[in-house]
C-alpha cells in the first residue's frame, strides 16, 4: 500500500479538517501522515507507539511534509492509560490486532474521545490470525466489539484487496453524545 491508499482508507471517516487526533500504535507513521493530509493545517496529532525510534523517524518525515500540522509523540503502550487531551478522533491502523483482550483497551480508547468523537479502525477482514497478525478481526466482529465497548454507531468506510490476508478495511465507530 502507498500513501494514497492510506488516505483513501481514512478520508471517509474524517468529514472536516482540523481537530485533535491520536494515532495509537503509530509506528513509523504511514497512517499518521495520511491523517495529517486529511485534517490539514491547524490540526493536532498525538502519535503513540512503544518504539521510540519509530516515532523519531515519524517526527522527521512529518516535519518535512506537514509543517502546518502539530505533532507530538508519546513513547508508550496504548494498552495502558495514556495522558491525552480530549480527542476528536483516534486512528488505530493495524495496531489493535496485536491485542488479545480488546475490550479493556477499547474502554480506555472510548474514554479519550469527546462526545461524538470517532475511532477509525484499519484492519484485515478476517478472524484468523498468524504469527505476524495474531488477533485480527473481520468487520462483523468489529461491529460486535464496538457495540460491546459502548460505541453508539459503527460504519464500514472503505476496503481494498490485500495480498496479505485477502482484504483490508476501514471502519468508524462513534462515542455517543451525552443524554
Protein backbone atom coordinates (compact mmCIF):
# COMPACT_ATOMS: atom_id res chain seq x y z
CA UNK A 1 0.00 0.00 0.00
CA UNK A 2 1.08 3.55 -0.63
CA UNK A 3 0.24 6.93 0.91
CA UNK A 4 -2.86 7.45 -1.26
CA UNK A 5 -4.18 4.02 -0.19
CA UNK A 6 -3.77 5.07 3.45
CA UNK A 7 -5.58 8.36 2.77
CA UNK A 8 -8.40 6.53 0.96
CA UNK A 9 -8.94 4.23 3.95
CA UNK A 10 -9.21 7.14 6.41
CA UNK A 11 -10.79 10.00 4.42
CA UNK A 12 -14.43 8.80 4.53
CA UNK A 13 -14.30 8.87 8.34
CA UNK A 14 -13.00 12.43 8.63
CA UNK A 15 -15.57 14.84 7.19
CA UNK A 16 -13.99 18.07 8.47
CA UNK A 17 -10.49 19.47 8.70
CA UNK A 18 -8.70 20.31 11.93
CA UNK A 19 -9.29 18.83 15.32
CA UNK A 20 -7.24 16.95 17.87
CA UNK A 21 -6.47 13.35 16.94
CA UNK A 22 -4.30 10.49 18.16
CA UNK A 23 -2.75 7.61 16.24
CA UNK A 24 -2.39 4.68 18.65
CA UNK A 25 0.24 2.22 17.53
CA UNK A 26 1.60 4.75 15.03
CA UNK A 27 4.89 3.01 14.26
CA UNK A 28 6.81 4.95 11.63
CA UNK A 29 3.64 6.82 10.74
CA UNK A 30 2.14 5.71 7.44
CA UNK A 31 -1.37 6.41 8.73
CA UNK A 32 -0.25 9.41 10.81
CA UNK A 33 0.92 11.05 7.57
CA UNK A 34 -2.39 10.19 5.89
CA UNK A 35 -4.26 11.66 8.85
CA UNK A 36 -2.18 14.86 8.64
CA UNK A 37 -3.03 15.26 4.95
CA UNK A 38 -6.74 14.92 5.71
CA UNK A 39 -7.05 17.15 8.80
CA UNK A 40 -4.71 19.77 7.33
CA UNK A 41 -3.28 23.00 8.76
CA UNK A 42 -4.24 23.74 12.33
CA UNK A 43 -4.87 20.10 13.15
CA UNK A 44 -3.12 18.39 16.04
CA UNK A 45 -1.97 14.77 16.21
CA UNK A 46 -0.52 12.77 19.10
CA UNK A 47 1.32 9.70 17.80
CA UNK A 48 1.73 6.91 20.36
CA UNK A 49 3.95 3.85 19.99
CA UNK A 50 6.17 1.68 22.19
CA UNK A 51 9.05 2.11 19.74
CA UNK A 52 10.67 5.50 20.34
CA UNK A 53 12.97 5.11 17.33
CA UNK A 54 9.97 4.58 15.05
CA UNK A 55 8.43 7.76 16.46
CA UNK A 56 11.69 9.66 15.82
CA UNK A 57 11.53 8.53 12.18
CA UNK A 58 7.88 9.60 12.01
CA UNK A 59 8.64 13.04 13.50
CA UNK A 60 11.33 13.71 10.90
CA UNK A 61 9.12 12.68 7.97
CA UNK A 62 6.18 14.59 9.42
CA UNK A 63 8.08 17.87 9.87
CA UNK A 64 9.25 17.77 6.26
CA UNK A 65 5.81 17.03 4.78
CA UNK A 66 3.25 18.65 7.10
CA UNK A 67 4.83 21.59 8.96
CA UNK A 68 1.43 23.28 9.50
CA UNK A 69 0.00 20.32 11.42
CA UNK A 70 1.06 19.96 15.05
CA UNK A 71 2.61 16.61 16.00
CA UNK A 72 3.57 15.38 19.44
CA UNK A 73 4.77 11.87 20.20
CA UNK A 74 4.50 9.61 23.21
CA UNK A 75 6.62 6.53 23.66
CA UNK A 76 4.05 4.40 25.45
CA UNK A 77 1.97 1.24 25.36
CA UNK A 78 -1.55 2.15 24.20
CA UNK A 79 -2.96 -0.81 26.14
CA UNK A 80 -2.25 1.14 29.34
CA UNK A 81 -3.75 4.51 30.39
CA UNK A 82 -2.30 7.46 28.47
CA UNK A 83 -2.11 11.18 29.20
CA UNK A 84 -4.04 12.54 26.22
CA UNK A 85 -6.11 15.67 25.70
CA UNK A 86 -9.82 15.21 24.88
CA UNK A 87 -9.78 13.89 21.31
CA UNK A 88 -11.99 14.47 18.29
CA UNK A 89 -10.75 11.22 16.84
CA UNK A 90 -8.42 8.27 17.16
CA UNK A 91 -6.82 6.16 14.43
CA UNK A 92 -5.86 2.57 15.20
CA UNK A 93 -4.47 1.18 11.95
CA UNK A 94 -3.11 -2.35 12.11
CA UNK A 95 -2.45 -1.99 15.83
CA UNK A 96 -5.44 -3.49 17.63
CA UNK A 97 -4.75 -6.88 16.03
CA UNK A 98 -1.82 -7.27 18.43
CA UNK A 99 -4.17 -7.12 21.43
CA UNK A 100 -5.93 -10.24 22.69
CA UNK A 101 -8.22 -8.53 25.25
CA UNK A 102 -9.64 -5.80 23.06
CA UNK A 103 -12.48 -4.92 25.44
CA UNK A 104 -10.21 -3.41 28.10
CA UNK A 105 -8.29 -1.38 25.50
CA UNK A 106 -11.47 -0.17 23.81
CA UNK A 107 -12.80 1.05 27.17
CA UNK A 108 -9.65 3.19 27.54
CA UNK A 109 -9.87 4.40 23.94
CA UNK A 110 -13.54 5.34 24.22
CA UNK A 111 -12.72 7.38 27.32
CA UNK A 112 -10.22 9.52 25.43
CA UNK A 113 -12.83 10.65 22.92
CA UNK A 114 -15.02 13.72 23.23
CA UNK A 115 -18.77 13.07 22.86
CA UNK A 116 -19.40 12.27 19.19
CA UNK A 117 -15.68 11.63 18.73
CA UNK A 118 -14.80 8.81 16.38
CA UNK A 119 -12.50 5.83 16.40
CA UNK A 120 -11.17 4.85 12.98
CA UNK A 121 -10.02 1.26 12.65
CA UNK A 122 -7.97 -0.18 9.79
CA UNK A 123 -7.81 -3.97 9.92
CA UNK A 124 -7.55 -7.18 7.92
CA UNK A 125 -11.01 -8.56 7.22
CA UNK A 126 -10.52 -11.96 8.83
CA UNK A 127 -10.91 -13.58 12.22
CA UNK A 128 -7.99 -15.95 11.69
CA UNK A 129 -4.55 -14.71 12.63
CA UNK A 130 -1.00 -15.82 12.06
CA UNK A 131 2.36 -15.16 13.70
CA UNK A 132 2.58 -11.63 12.23
CA UNK A 133 -1.06 -10.63 12.78
CA UNK A 134 -2.10 -12.65 15.82
CA UNK A 135 -5.62 -11.33 16.57
CA UNK A 136 -7.25 -9.73 13.51
CA UNK A 137 -10.99 -9.14 13.36
CA UNK A 138 -13.42 -9.08 10.47
CA UNK A 139 -15.84 -6.20 10.02
CA UNK A 140 -18.80 -8.17 11.50
CA UNK A 141 -16.62 -8.95 14.53
CA UNK A 142 -15.67 -5.26 14.78
CA UNK A 143 -19.34 -4.24 14.81
CA UNK A 144 -19.90 -6.55 17.78
CA UNK A 145 -16.73 -5.43 19.62
CA UNK A 146 -17.57 -1.75 19.15
CA UNK A 147 -21.15 -2.21 20.37
CA UNK A 148 -19.95 -4.09 23.49
CA UNK A 149 -17.39 -1.32 24.13
CA UNK A 150 -20.17 1.29 24.21
CA UNK A 151 -19.76 2.91 20.82
CA UNK A 152 -23.07 4.25 19.54
CA UNK A 153 -22.69 3.61 15.83
CA UNK A 154 -20.27 1.78 13.55
CA UNK A 155 -19.90 2.16 9.81
CA UNK A 156 -17.71 0.41 7.27
CA UNK A 157 -15.85 3.10 5.34
CA UNK A 158 -13.63 1.61 2.67
CA UNK A 159 -11.86 -1.61 1.71
CA UNK A 160 -9.15 -2.69 -0.65
CA UNK A 161 -7.62 -6.01 -1.62
CA UNK A 162 -4.53 -7.02 0.29
CA UNK A 163 -2.02 -9.65 -0.75
CA UNK A 164 -1.66 -10.29 2.96
CA UNK A 165 -4.84 -11.86 4.43
CA UNK A 166 -7.10 -11.01 1.48
CA UNK A 167 -8.67 -7.64 2.29
CA UNK A 168 -8.05 -4.64 4.48
CA UNK A 169 -10.95 -2.44 5.57
CA UNK A 170 -11.57 0.74 7.50
CA UNK A 171 -14.47 1.48 9.83
CA UNK A 172 -15.58 4.34 12.05
CA UNK A 173 -17.24 3.97 15.45
CA UNK A 174 -18.65 6.96 17.33
CA UNK A 175 -18.77 7.76 21.01
CA UNK A 176 -22.37 8.62 21.89
CA UNK A 177 -23.46 12.14 22.71
CA UNK A 178 -24.45 12.53 26.38
CA UNK A 179 -28.10 12.14 27.35
